Amino acid sequence: MRELLNLIEDVEWLNASRSDECCGCGGTFAVNESDVSAAMGCDRIVDHVNVGSEVIVAGDMSCLMHLQGLIRRQGTPIAVTQISQFFGTFCAKHPKGEFLAKSTGHVPDTYLSLVA
């Protein structure tokens, strides 16, 4: 995912300090251990907010739904999107589909972080 998103101008990656940590959803884990699951998800959100992310991009919809639910309940100012949704939005704003490499010193329009 990151290789594809690196091709887009106006996007800057922000690395969460614990980018390899699970969001806490994990199928039935979220049902059987709901308190632990919610705490893990909240930790992930705080991590992304603390590095200045505006959007969390992931490929796994269950992670995104879990994080989005927590974000809505907390009123946290961060968005989540699936990678295909992100590209769809980007293509709509840039109809020529010009995926250009980032230029040095360019100020990004969007700050992204990735859920692995």
Protein backbone atom coordinates (compact mmCIF):
# COMPACT_ATOMS: atom_id res chain seq x y z
CA MET A 1 0.00 0.00 0.00
CA ARG A 2 2.68 2.44 0.97
CA GLU A 3 4.45 2.10 -2.41
CA LEU A 4 1.26 3.08 -4.22
CA LEU A 5 0.49 5.98 -1.93
CA ASN A 6 4.07 7.25 -2.20
CA LEU A 7 3.35 8.00 -5.87
CA ILE A 8 0.85 10.68 -4.96
CA GLU A 9 1.82 14.31 -4.54
CA ASP A 10 0.46 16.29 -1.61
CA VAL A 11 0.59 13.34 0.80
CA GLU A 12 3.03 13.01 3.63
CA TRP A 13 3.48 9.83 5.65
CA LEU A 14 3.60 10.14 9.39
CA ASN A 15 4.89 7.08 11.18
CA ALA A 16 2.98 6.08 14.27
CA SER A 17 5.31 5.02 17.06
CA ARG A 18 3.67 1.59 17.32
CA SER A 19 2.75 0.94 13.70
CA ASP A 20 3.04 -2.85 14.07
CA GLU A 21 0.55 -3.11 16.92
CA CYS A 22 -2.90 -4.62 16.33
CA CYS A 23 -5.98 -2.38 16.48
CA GLY A 24 -7.70 -4.91 18.74
CA CYS A 25 -10.49 -6.04 16.44
CA GLY A 26 -9.22 -9.51 15.47
CA GLY A 27 -12.57 -11.18 14.70
CA THR A 28 -14.18 -12.78 17.75
CA PHE A 29 -11.51 -11.26 20.01
CA ALA A 30 -13.43 -7.96 19.82
CA VAL A 31 -16.55 -9.77 21.06
CA ASN A 32 -14.98 -12.06 23.65
CA GLU A 33 -12.58 -9.43 25.04
CA SER A 34 -14.46 -6.22 24.24
CA ASP A 35 -12.81 -4.09 26.94
CA VAL A 36 -9.30 -5.12 25.90
CA SER A 37 -10.23 -4.69 22.24
CA ALA A 38 -11.50 -1.15 22.85
CA ALA A 39 -8.41 -0.24 24.89
CA MET A 40 -6.12 -1.51 22.12
CA GLY A 41 -8.05 0.48 19.51
CA CYS A 42 -7.96 3.63 21.62
CA ASP A 43 -4.19 3.25 22.02
CA ARG A 44 -3.82 3.01 18.25
CA ILE A 45 -5.93 6.13 17.68
CA VAL A 46 -3.97 8.14 20.26
CA ASP A 47 -0.74 7.04 18.59
CA HIS A 48 -1.91 8.28 15.17
CA VAL A 49 -3.29 11.54 16.57
CA ASN A 50 -0.08 12.22 18.49
CA VAL A 51 2.02 12.12 15.30
CA GLY A 52 -0.39 14.55 13.60
CA SER A 53 -2.23 12.21 11.24
CA GLU A 54 -5.41 13.47 9.62
CA VAL A 55 -6.31 10.18 7.91
CA ILE A 56 -5.61 6.56 8.81
CA VAL A 57 -5.37 4.39 5.67
CA ALA A 58 -5.64 0.60 5.82
CA GLY A 59 -6.51 -2.34 3.65
CA ASP A 60 -8.47 -4.24 6.30
CA MET A 61 -12.08 -3.09 6.68
CA SER A 62 -12.53 -4.73 10.09
CA CYS A 63 -9.66 -2.61 11.49
CA LEU A 64 -11.15 0.51 9.96
CA MET A 65 -14.68 -0.20 11.23
CA HIS A 66 -13.34 -0.85 14.74
CA LEU A 67 -11.26 2.33 14.76
CA GLN A 68 -14.05 4.41 13.19
CA GLY A 69 -16.51 3.30 15.86
CA LEU A 70 -14.10 4.31 18.62
CA ILE A 71 -13.30 7.60 16.87
CA ARG A 72 -17.00 8.48 16.57
CA ARG A 73 -17.68 7.73 20.23
CA GLN A 74 -14.67 9.78 21.34
CA GLY A 75 -15.18 12.63 18.88
CA THR A 76 -11.53 12.37 17.80
CA PRO A 77 -10.63 14.63 14.84
CA ILE A 78 -9.18 11.95 12.54
CA ALA A 79 -10.62 10.10 9.56
CA VAL A 80 -10.21 6.51 8.44
CA THR A 81 -10.33 5.24 4.88
CA GLN A 82 -9.72 2.05 2.98
CA ILE A 83 -6.98 2.34 0.36
CA SER A 84 -9.37 1.92 -2.58
CA GLN A 85 -11.61 4.67 -1.17
CA PHE A 86 -8.60 6.93 -0.80
CA PHE A 87 -7.60 6.38 -4.45
CA GLY A 88 -11.19 6.89 -5.58
CA THR A 89 -11.36 10.22 -3.78
CA PHE A 90 -7.97 11.25 -5.09
CA CYS A 91 -8.88 10.35 -8.70
CA ALA A 92 -12.11 12.32 -8.42
CA LYS A 93 -10.13 15.40 -7.38
CA HIS A 94 -7.45 14.80 -10.03
CA PRO A 95 -9.35 13.48 -13.08
CA LYS A 96 -6.25 13.16 -15.24
CA GLY A 97 -4.94 10.55 -12.78
CA GLU A 98 -1.53 12.16 -12.64
CA PHE A 99 0.24 10.25 -9.91
CA LEU A 100 3.44 12.23 -9.63
CA ALA A 101 6.27 11.62 -7.23
CA LYS A 102 6.47 14.04 -4.34
CA SER A 103 8.73 16.99 -4.98
CA THR A 104 11.35 17.90 -2.41
CA GLY A 105 10.22 20.58 -0.02
CA HIS A 106 6.57 20.42 -1.11
CA VAL A 107 4.09 21.17 1.66
CA PRO A 108 1.59 18.29 1.79
CA ASP A 109 -2.17 18.76 1.74
CA THR A 110 -2.88 15.56 3.64
CA TYR A 111 -1.07 13.73 6.42
CA LEU A 112 -1.49 9.97 6.36
CA SER A 113 -0.52 7.11 8.57
CA LEU A 114 -0.88 3.45 7.78
CA VAL A 115 -2.42 0.64 9.76
CA ALA A 116 -0.37 -2.43 8.88
